């Protein structure tokens, strides 16, 4: 039985010099293919930003400043304590108690913040109504200061009471006790002190750039993720990475569009590389190469003809068998297989698209290689081998035409032609399985860039 394609890659080191795609390149490719999703996300973001800007209200704010000062420790430690008070103030449940204590109602929001490595904390009041914030920040700062300092003083009084109780229990010296009490009452550690309570009311009007930029960025991110998700979930093969990852086939070459700048030269170079890969594996002459499509044959016909022209241009006698299945009035392979009296191999061969290339059309006698004519087909193939260095069979779609298996089994190797964003993963997987079921060898895949099949091949004709 013929070796499977993974065995071929391990033995011959295929494919040649194709660069592999990184995970990032794959995702970028998926985003580029679905740029309209990214554009849609950006458009939604812009619209949302414009609506937000047009309906946004002017926000008024005032600010009050407090600080933590202690004679017993350094400023950096006071800064840490100040951050603790900020977290305490910003707690919603505690802030509600302070609002009640300060007697503040209405649509006013508060937040506290610090400057990096500074013991100063700011209480900021904001509201769409300027009158609501005139004294709001100072009143909340005062309420915070009073509540914090009341707690600190309560702790000091408790410490003094503990010293007095110790005096009564131990009959200590009154002078020493008084000194201790004086030190406790003079300690202002953790107290909040006012830096500034009153400040001018400032206004902030949403600017168009900032208001639109954030929704725009969010829309772009969402669009990119949507494009990547759709690409990963797509049932069609969109890149060499998809082919290898989803089907297990290695991509022998990627044929570029010939209508772009430098496309013709690059196309010819890639076809030459493909021919070299095939020749490296099938070293005997003559050789038979089957080119089959999966789900559609327009890619297979395009690759088969390009490969035939390339071999012919290098002086090799090449015969292209157009077994795609289209009937014609000209005498062809089906007439020979049907054993029409007087039809010879020379009768079915016609001049091809390039020097040293002959084309064998299928003819009008059948729509595909008849199962009962397998012996006659083998005889035809043997005579074609005798008159050529390379025989290339343009097969009908493997999944749709059962007779394509006969052709692939008769060939030395089979190439699977895949069209970017058109060929489905399931068709390729099923096609490879069908070839291997009849003992055929799938050498690899030939990937054609999206839009790379010329218009004359769209119908599947060679």
Protein backbone atom coordinates (compact mmCIF):
# COMPACT_ATOMS: atom_id res chain seq x y z
CA UNK A 1 0.00 0.00 0.00
CA UNK A 2 1.23 3.51 -0.81
CA UNK A 3 2.63 5.49 2.12
CA UNK A 4 0.47 8.19 3.66
CA UNK A 5 1.35 11.81 3.13
CA UNK A 6 2.87 12.34 6.61
CA UNK A 7 5.36 9.56 5.79
CA UNK A 8 6.25 11.38 2.59
CA UNK A 9 6.99 14.61 4.47
CA UNK A 10 9.22 12.87 6.98
CA UNK A 11 11.13 11.04 4.26
CA UNK A 12 11.56 13.85 1.76
CA UNK A 13 11.38 16.90 4.02
CA UNK A 14 8.46 18.45 2.16
CA UNK A 15 7.38 21.10 1.55
CA UNK A 16 10.29 23.10 0.20
CA UNK A 17 11.00 26.64 1.35
CA UNK A 18 7.53 27.87 2.28
CA UNK A 19 7.72 30.15 5.35
CA UNK A 20 5.48 29.09 8.22
CA UNK A 21 2.98 31.52 9.68
CA UNK A 22 3.17 32.55 13.29
CA UNK A 23 0.03 32.64 15.43
CA UNK A 24 0.08 36.44 15.24
CA UNK A 25 0.32 36.42 11.44
CA UNK A 26 -2.62 34.03 11.24
CA UNK A 27 -4.78 36.34 13.34
CA UNK A 28 -3.70 39.41 11.34
CA UNK A 29 -4.62 37.58 8.15
CA UNK A 30 -8.05 36.75 9.53
CA UNK A 31 -8.58 40.39 10.50
CA UNK A 32 -7.54 41.61 7.05
CA UNK A 33 -9.89 39.17 5.32
CA UNK A 34 -12.80 40.44 7.42
CA UNK A 35 -11.85 44.10 7.50
CA UNK A 36 -15.53 45.00 7.11
CA UNK A 37 -16.21 43.66 10.61
CA UNK A 38 -13.49 45.91 11.98
CA UNK A 39 -14.88 48.83 9.98
CA UNK A 40 -18.38 48.11 11.29
CA UNK A 41 -17.12 48.04 14.86
CA UNK A 42 -15.29 51.32 14.35
CA UNK A 43 -18.38 52.91 12.81
CA UNK A 44 -20.56 51.83 15.73
CA UNK A 45 -17.94 53.23 18.12
CA UNK A 46 -17.84 56.56 16.29
CA UNK A 47 -21.62 56.87 16.29
CA UNK A 48 -21.78 56.02 19.99
CA UNK A 49 -19.04 58.57 20.70
CA UNK A 50 -20.79 61.31 18.75
CA UNK A 51 -24.09 60.62 20.53
CA UNK A 52 -22.30 60.71 23.89
CA UNK A 53 -20.59 63.96 22.99
CA UNK A 54 -23.77 65.63 21.79
CA UNK A 55 -25.79 64.57 24.84
CA UNK A 56 -23.00 64.97 27.39
CA UNK A 57 -23.51 67.51 30.20
CA UNK A 58 -21.04 70.02 31.57
CA UNK A 59 -19.71 68.72 34.87
CA UNK A 60 -18.93 71.11 37.75
CA UNK A 61 -16.54 70.24 40.55
CA UNK A 62 -14.96 71.62 43.70
CA UNK A 63 -12.07 70.35 45.77
CA UNK A 64 -10.94 70.33 49.40
CA UNK A 65 -7.54 69.20 50.71
CA UNK A 66 -6.62 67.41 53.92
CA UNK A 67 -3.32 65.99 55.12
CA UNK A 68 -1.95 63.47 57.58
CA UNK A 69 0.81 64.98 59.75
CA UNK A 70 2.68 63.21 62.52
CA UNK A 71 5.67 64.24 64.56
CA UNK A 72 6.46 60.62 65.39
CA UNK A 73 7.05 59.25 61.85
CA UNK A 74 8.28 60.21 58.40
CA UNK A 75 6.21 61.72 55.55
CA UNK A 76 6.35 58.50 53.51
CA UNK A 77 4.55 56.66 56.32
CA UNK A 78 1.98 59.44 56.52
CA UNK A 79 1.45 59.03 52.75
CA UNK A 80 0.61 55.38 53.26
CA UNK A 81 -1.88 56.31 55.97
CA UNK A 82 -3.39 58.92 53.64
CA UNK A 83 -4.00 56.23 51.01
CA UNK A 84 -5.84 54.22 53.62
CA UNK A 85 -8.12 57.17 54.35
CA UNK A 86 -8.78 57.52 50.59
CA UNK A 87 -9.90 53.90 50.34
CA UNK A 88 -12.03 54.40 53.45
CA UNK A 89 -13.70 57.50 51.97
CA UNK A 90 -14.37 55.88 48.58
CA UNK A 91 -16.20 52.96 50.17
CA UNK A 92 -19.88 53.47 49.16
CA UNK A 93 -21.35 52.46 52.52
CA UNK A 94 -19.02 54.73 54.51
CA UNK A 95 -19.51 57.58 52.05
CA UNK A 96 -23.28 57.35 52.55
CA UNK A 97 -22.81 57.91 56.29
CA UNK A 98 -20.58 60.93 55.66
CA UNK A 99 -23.17 62.43 53.27
CA UNK A 100 -25.79 62.07 55.94
CA UNK A 101 -23.52 63.63 58.57
CA UNK A 102 -22.65 66.54 56.24
CA UNK A 103 -26.30 67.01 55.23
CA UNK A 104 -25.60 66.71 51.50
CA UNK A 105 -28.34 65.65 49.13
CA UNK A 106 -28.89 66.02 45.41
CA UNK A 107 -27.02 64.75 42.39
CA UNK A 108 -23.49 65.12 43.77
CA UNK A 109 -20.81 62.45 43.47
CA UNK A 110 -17.65 62.31 45.55
CA UNK A 111 -14.26 60.72 45.31
CA UNK A 112 -11.00 61.00 47.19
CA UNK A 113 -7.55 60.71 45.71
CA UNK A 114 -3.93 61.32 46.63
CA UNK A 115 -0.85 62.57 44.89
CA UNK A 116 1.87 59.95 44.54
CA UNK A 117 4.08 59.68 47.67
CA UNK A 118 2.30 62.63 49.33
CA UNK A 119 0.31 62.65 52.61
CA UNK A 120 -2.16 65.13 51.10
CA UNK A 121 -5.56 63.77 50.07
CA UNK A 122 -8.18 65.57 48.02
CA UNK A 123 -11.94 65.30 48.37
CA UNK A 124 -13.58 66.12 45.04
CA UNK A 125 -17.29 66.85 44.58
CA UNK A 126 -18.87 66.71 41.08
CA UNK A 127 -22.34 67.52 39.79
CA UNK A 128 -24.11 68.81 36.65
CA UNK A 129 -25.42 71.64 38.85
CA UNK A 130 -22.84 74.25 39.84
CA UNK A 131 -24.76 75.34 42.95
CA UNK A 132 -24.63 71.81 44.40
CA UNK A 133 -20.82 71.67 44.53
CA UNK A 134 -20.00 75.14 45.91
CA UNK A 135 -19.62 73.89 49.50
CA UNK A 136 -20.06 70.14 49.00
CA UNK A 137 -16.36 69.23 48.93
CA UNK A 138 -15.52 71.28 52.02
CA UNK A 139 -18.44 69.85 53.97
CA UNK A 140 -17.54 66.26 53.12
CA UNK A 141 -13.87 66.90 53.93
CA UNK A 142 -14.88 68.39 57.27
CA UNK A 143 -17.11 65.40 58.02
CA UNK A 144 -14.26 63.01 57.16
CA UNK A 145 -11.78 64.95 59.29
CA UNK A 146 -14.14 65.12 62.27
CA UNK A 147 -15.03 61.45 62.16
CA UNK A 148 -11.41 60.32 61.80
CA UNK A 149 -10.13 62.70 64.48
CA UNK A 150 -12.94 61.75 66.87
CA UNK A 151 -11.84 58.18 66.59
CA UNK A 152 -8.19 59.06 67.14
CA UNK A 153 -9.05 61.16 70.22
CA UNK A 154 -11.23 58.39 71.59
CA UNK A 155 -8.25 56.06 71.34
CA UNK A 156 -6.07 58.61 73.19
CA UNK A 157 -8.62 59.00 75.96
CA UNK A 158 -8.78 55.25 76.32
CA UNK A 159 -4.98 55.17 76.63
CA UNK A 160 -5.05 57.87 79.33
CA UNK A 161 -7.71 55.95 81.24
CA UNK A 162 -5.57 52.83 81.05
CA UNK A 163 -2.58 54.73 82.50
CA UNK A 164 -4.69 56.06 85.39
CA UNK A 165 -6.02 52.60 86.15
CA UNK A 166 -2.46 51.28 86.21
CA UNK A 167 -1.50 54.06 88.64
CA UNK A 168 -4.22 53.08 91.09
CA UNK A 169 -3.26 49.42 90.88
CA UNK A 170 0.50 49.88 91.32
CA UNK A 171 0.74 53.09 93.41
CA UNK A 172 3.09 54.55 90.78
CA UNK A 173 4.69 57.99 91.08
CA UNK A 174 2.28 60.81 90.12
CA UNK A 175 5.01 62.75 88.27
CA UNK A 176 5.80 59.87 85.95
CA UNK A 177 2.11 59.27 85.29
CA UNK A 178 1.56 62.89 84.42
CA UNK A 179 4.44 62.81 81.96
CA UNK A 180 2.97 59.73 80.32
CA UNK A 181 -0.48 61.32 80.06
CA UNK A 182 1.00 64.49 78.57
CA UNK A 183 2.84 62.48 75.92
CA UNK A 184 -0.36 60.64 74.97
CA UNK A 185 -2.49 63.78 74.71
CA UNK A 186 0.18 65.61 72.69
CA UNK A 187 0.47 62.79 70.11
CA UNK A 188 -1.42 63.78 66.94
CA UNK A 189 -0.49 60.66 64.99
CA UNK A 190 -3.13 59.67 62.33
CA UNK A 191 -5.10 62.89 62.73
CA UNK A 192 -6.34 64.70 59.63
CA UNK A 193 -5.62 68.39 59.31
CA UNK A 194 -7.07 70.92 56.92
CA UNK A 195 -4.91 72.17 54.07
CA UNK A 196 -7.67 73.95 52.12
CA UNK A 197 -11.43 73.65 52.44
CA UNK A 198 -12.70 76.19 49.94
CA UNK A 199 -11.83 76.11 46.25
CA UNK A 200 -13.23 77.67 43.10
CA UNK A 201 -15.83 75.70 41.18
CA UNK A 202 -14.44 74.41 37.90
CA UNK A 203 -16.34 73.10 34.88
CA UNK A 204 -15.50 70.30 32.47
CA UNK A 205 -17.21 70.00 29.10
CA UNK A 206 -16.76 66.69 27.21
CA UNK A 207 -14.42 67.25 24.26
CA UNK A 208 -15.16 65.55 20.94
CA UNK A 209 -11.76 63.88 20.61
CA UNK A 210 -11.70 62.24 24.03
CA UNK A 211 -15.41 61.39 23.97
CA UNK A 212 -15.22 59.71 20.55
CA UNK A 213 -11.76 58.15 20.89
CA UNK A 214 -12.69 55.67 23.62
CA UNK A 215 -15.78 54.21 21.89
CA UNK A 216 -13.83 54.14 18.62
CA UNK A 217 -11.01 52.15 20.23
CA UNK A 218 -13.53 49.81 21.84
CA UNK A 219 -15.27 49.31 18.48
CA UNK A 220 -11.97 48.49 16.76
CA UNK A 221 -11.07 45.96 19.44
CA UNK A 222 -14.50 44.31 19.27
CA UNK A 223 -14.32 44.23 15.45
CA UNK A 224 -10.87 42.60 15.51
CA UNK A 225 -11.98 39.95 17.98
CA UNK A 226 -15.10 39.29 15.91
CA UNK A 227 -12.99 38.87 12.76
CA UNK A 228 -10.66 36.44 14.52
CA UNK A 229 -13.58 34.47 15.95
CA UNK A 230 -15.35 34.22 12.59
CA UNK A 231 -12.07 33.18 10.94
CA UNK A 232 -11.46 30.43 13.49
CA UNK A 233 -15.03 29.16 13.09
CA UNK A 234 -15.09 29.33 9.28
CA UNK A 235 -15.65 26.05 7.44
CA UNK A 236 -13.58 27.28 4.51
CA UNK A 237 -9.81 27.21 4.22
CA UNK A 238 -8.33 30.69 4.20
CA UNK A 239 -4.58 30.20 4.58
CA UNK A 240 -1.75 27.68 4.51
CA UNK A 241 -2.06 27.50 8.28
CA UNK A 242 -5.72 26.49 8.01
CA UNK A 243 -4.88 23.78 5.47
CA UNK A 244 -2.17 22.24 7.65
CA UNK A 245 -4.02 22.68 10.93
CA UNK A 246 -7.44 21.42 9.83
CA UNK A 247 -6.68 18.81 7.18
CA UNK A 248 -3.20 17.54 8.03
CA UNK A 249 -2.02 18.30 4.48
CA UNK A 250 1.17 20.24 3.96
CA UNK A 251 0.99 23.09 1.48
CA UNK A 252 3.57 22.47 -1.25
CA UNK A 253 3.24 25.99 -2.64
CA UNK A 254 0.95 29.01 -2.65
CA UNK A 255 0.13 30.37 -6.11
CA UNK A 256 -0.30 34.16 -6.09
CA UNK A 257 -2.66 36.31 -8.12
CA UNK A 258 -1.13 37.09 -11.49
CA UNK A 259 -2.99 40.38 -11.89
CA UNK A 260 -0.97 42.17 -9.25
CA UNK A 261 2.44 43.78 -9.64
CA UNK A 262 5.10 41.12 -10.04
CA UNK A 263 2.44 38.42 -9.83
CA UNK A 264 3.31 36.68 -13.11
CA UNK A 265 6.99 36.25 -12.23
CA UNK A 266 6.17 35.03 -8.74
CA UNK A 267 3.51 32.68 -10.10
CA UNK A 268 5.96 31.11 -12.55
CA UNK A 269 8.54 30.74 -9.79
CA UNK A 270 6.06 29.01 -7.48
CA UNK A 271 4.88 26.63 -10.23
CA UNK A 272 8.52 25.76 -10.91
CA UNK A 273 9.06 25.04 -7.22
CA UNK A 274 5.98 22.82 -7.23
CA UNK A 275 7.30 20.88 -10.24
CA UNK A 276 10.64 20.41 -8.47
CA UNK A 277 8.93 19.05 -5.35
CA UNK A 278 6.93 16.56 -7.41
CA UNK A 279 9.99 15.52 -9.41
CA UNK A 280 12.00 15.06 -6.23
CA UNK A 281 9.50 12.51 -4.99
CA UNK A 282 8.56 10.83 -8.28
CA UNK A 283 12.02 10.40 -9.71
CA UNK A 284 11.26 7.90 -12.49
CA UNK A 285 10.19 8.92 -15.97
CA UNK A 286 7.59 8.89 -17.29
CA UNK A 287 5.49 9.94 -14.30
CA UNK A 288 1.75 10.50 -13.85
CA UNK A 289 0.47 13.29 -11.66
CA UNK A 290 -3.22 13.69 -10.81
CA UNK A 291 -4.51 17.14 -9.86
CA UNK A 292 -7.86 17.03 -8.11
CA UNK A 293 -10.11 19.65 -6.62
CA UNK A 294 -12.19 19.24 -3.49
CA UNK A 295 -15.74 20.45 -3.94
CA UNK A 296 -14.90 22.53 -7.01
CA UNK A 297 -12.72 21.81 -10.01
CA UNK A 298 -11.84 25.27 -11.21
CA UNK A 299 -8.73 25.29 -9.01
CA UNK A 300 -7.65 21.82 -10.20
CA UNK A 301 -7.93 22.73 -13.89
CA UNK A 302 -5.93 25.89 -13.31
CA UNK A 303 -3.12 24.09 -11.46
CA UNK A 304 -3.01 21.18 -13.93
CA UNK A 305 -2.67 23.45 -16.94
CA UNK A 306 -0.03 25.65 -15.22
CA UNK A 307 2.01 22.60 -14.28
CA UNK A 308 1.75 21.19 -17.82
CA UNK A 309 2.92 24.46 -19.38
CA UNK A 310 5.81 24.68 -16.92
CA UNK A 311 7.02 21.13 -17.71
CA UNK A 312 6.62 21.69 -21.44
CA UNK A 313 8.60 24.92 -21.31
CA UNK A 314 11.48 22.95 -19.81
CA UNK A 315 11.60 20.57 -22.73
CA UNK A 316 9.70 17.65 -21.20
CA UNK A 317 7.11 15.92 -23.35
CA UNK A 318 3.92 16.59 -21.43
CA UNK A 319 0.39 15.28 -21.94
CA UNK A 320 -2.52 16.93 -20.14
CA UNK A 321 -5.55 14.63 -19.78
CA UNK A 322 -8.68 16.73 -19.38
CA UNK A 323 -10.73 14.23 -17.38
CA UNK A 324 -12.69 16.96 -15.65
CA UNK A 325 -15.84 15.47 -17.10
CA UNK A 326 -16.96 18.07 -19.61
CA UNK A 327 -17.97 16.40 -22.88
CA UNK A 328 -16.89 17.71 -26.27
CA UNK A 329 -17.46 16.85 -29.88
CA UNK A 330 -13.77 16.19 -30.44
CA UNK A 331 -12.49 12.64 -30.27
CA UNK A 332 -11.12 12.03 -26.81
CA UNK A 333 -10.19 9.62 -24.07
CA UNK A 334 -13.75 8.42 -23.54
CA UNK A 335 -13.93 7.29 -27.19
CA UNK A 336 -10.76 5.26 -26.74
CA UNK A 337 -12.00 3.75 -23.46
CA UNK A 338 -15.34 2.89 -25.12
CA UNK A 339 -13.32 1.01 -27.74
CA UNK A 340 -14.69 2.93 -30.68
CA UNK A 341 -13.33 1.19 -33.76
CA UNK A 342 -10.39 2.94 -35.30
CA UNK A 343 -9.71 5.42 -32.46
CA UNK A 344 -6.03 5.45 -31.53
CA UNK A 345 -3.99 7.37 -28.99
CA UNK A 346 -2.79 9.70 -31.74
CA UNK A 347 -6.42 10.48 -32.60
CA UNK A 348 -7.24 11.70 -29.09
CA UNK A 349 -4.17 13.90 -28.60
CA UNK A 350 -4.38 17.55 -29.64
CA UNK A 351 -1.97 20.45 -29.64
CA UNK A 352 -1.71 22.02 -26.19
CA UNK A 353 -1.31 25.56 -24.83
CA UNK A 354 2.51 25.49 -25.08
CA UNK A 355 5.38 23.80 -26.85
CA UNK A 356 5.90 20.12 -25.97
CA UNK A 357 2.38 19.95 -24.49
CA UNK A 358 -0.44 17.80 -25.87
CA UNK A 359 -4.01 17.83 -24.54
CA UNK A 360 -6.25 14.76 -24.43
CA UNK A 361 -9.88 15.94 -24.13
CA UNK A 362 -12.45 13.67 -22.58
CA UNK A 363 -14.58 13.52 -25.69
CA UNK A 364 -18.31 13.03 -26.09
CA UNK A 365 -18.77 9.35 -25.31
CA UNK A 366 -19.08 9.53 -21.53
CA UNK A 367 -19.22 12.01 -18.69
CA UNK A 368 -16.36 10.37 -16.80
CA UNK A 369 -14.10 7.32 -16.79
CA UNK A 370 -16.58 4.38 -16.84
CA UNK A 371 -16.04 1.78 -14.14
CA UNK A 372 -16.34 -1.00 -16.74
CA UNK A 373 -13.59 0.56 -18.84
CA UNK A 374 -10.86 0.39 -16.21
CA UNK A 375 -8.73 -1.97 -18.33
CA UNK A 376 -9.06 0.24 -21.40
CA UNK A 377 -8.17 3.29 -19.27
CA UNK A 378 -5.06 1.52 -17.94
CA UNK A 379 -4.16 0.68 -21.55
CA UNK A 380 -4.65 4.32 -22.56
CA UNK A 381 -2.54 5.53 -19.65
CA UNK A 382 0.20 3.06 -20.54
CA UNK A 383 0.32 4.34 -24.11
CA UNK A 384 0.34 7.93 -22.90
CA UNK A 385 3.29 7.14 -20.65
CA UNK A 386 5.10 5.68 -23.65
CA UNK A 387 4.72 8.94 -25.54
CA UNK A 388 5.48 11.43 -22.77
CA UNK A 389 7.84 12.28 -19.94
CA UNK A 390 5.03 13.67 -17.77
CA UNK A 391 1.31 12.86 -17.82
CA UNK A 392 -0.89 15.28 -15.86
CA UNK A 393 -4.51 14.32 -15.21
CA UNK A 394 -7.00 17.09 -14.59
CA UNK A 395 -9.40 15.11 -12.40
CA UNK A 396 -13.06 15.81 -11.68
CA UNK A 397 -13.91 16.83 -8.08
CA UNK A 398 -13.05 13.91 -5.80
CA UNK A 399 -16.03 14.27 -3.49
CA UNK A 400 -18.61 14.69 -6.26
CA UNK A 401 -17.26 12.21 -8.84
CA UNK A 402 -16.55 8.66 -7.69
CA UNK A 403 -14.60 7.96 -10.90
CA UNK A 404 -11.98 10.48 -9.78
CA UNK A 405 -10.71 7.82 -7.36
CA UNK A 406 -9.82 5.59 -10.35
CA UNK A 407 -7.73 8.38 -11.84
CA UNK A 408 -5.97 9.21 -8.57
CA UNK A 409 -5.23 5.55 -7.91
CA UNK A 410 -3.65 5.20 -11.38
CA UNK A 411 -1.39 8.24 -10.83
CA UNK A 412 1.96 8.16 -9.08
CA UNK A 413 0.91 11.05 -6.83
CA UNK A 414 -2.14 13.26 -6.34
CA UNK A 415 -2.09 17.00 -5.70
CA UNK A 416 -5.11 18.61 -4.01
CA UNK A 417 -5.89 22.04 -5.46
CA UNK A 418 -7.40 24.42 -2.89
CA UNK A 419 -8.81 27.87 -3.49
CA UNK A 420 -8.52 30.30 -0.59
CA UNK A 421 -11.83 31.16 1.08
CA UNK A 422 -13.71 28.92 -1.39
CA UNK A 423 -12.72 25.34 -0.62
CA UNK A 424 -14.36 23.78 2.42
CA UNK A 425 -12.40 21.89 5.05
CA UNK A 426 -14.73 18.89 5.00
CA UNK A 427 -14.35 18.50 1.21
CA UNK A 428 -10.56 18.33 1.48
CA UNK A 429 -10.60 15.89 4.39
CA UNK A 430 -13.10 13.64 2.61
CA UNK A 431 -11.21 13.89 -0.67
CA UNK A 432 -7.92 12.80 0.88
CA UNK A 433 -9.68 9.92 2.62
CA UNK A 434 -11.24 8.74 -0.65
CA UNK A 435 -7.88 8.81 -2.44
CA UNK A 436 -6.20 6.83 0.31
CA UNK A 437 -9.04 4.26 0.31
CA UNK A 438 -8.07 3.19 -3.22
CA UNK A 439 -4.35 3.12 -2.47
CA UNK A 440 -3.59 6.51 -3.98
CA UNK A 441 -0.92 8.82 -2.56
CA UNK A 442 -1.79 12.42 -1.73
CA UNK A 443 1.50 14.28 -1.92
CA UNK A 444 0.18 17.61 -0.64
CA UNK A 445 -1.91 20.68 -1.34
CA UNK A 446 -1.53 23.53 -3.80
CA UNK A 447 -3.12 26.66 -2.38
CA UNK A 448 -4.30 29.40 -4.73
CA UNK A 449 -4.70 32.89 -3.34
CA UNK A 450 -8.19 34.29 -3.20
CA UNK A 451 -9.17 35.55 -6.64
CA UNK A 452 -6.15 33.83 -8.18
CA UNK A 453 -8.11 31.60 -10.58
CA UNK A 454 -8.55 33.46 -13.90
CA UNK A 455 -12.05 33.99 -15.24
CA UNK A 456 -11.66 31.45 -18.03
CA UNK A 457 -11.25 28.69 -15.44
CA UNK A 458 -14.32 29.63 -13.39
CA UNK A 459 -16.51 27.09 -15.13
CA UNK A 460 -14.04 24.32 -14.57
CA UNK A 461 -12.86 24.17 -18.16
CA UNK A 462 -9.22 23.87 -18.90
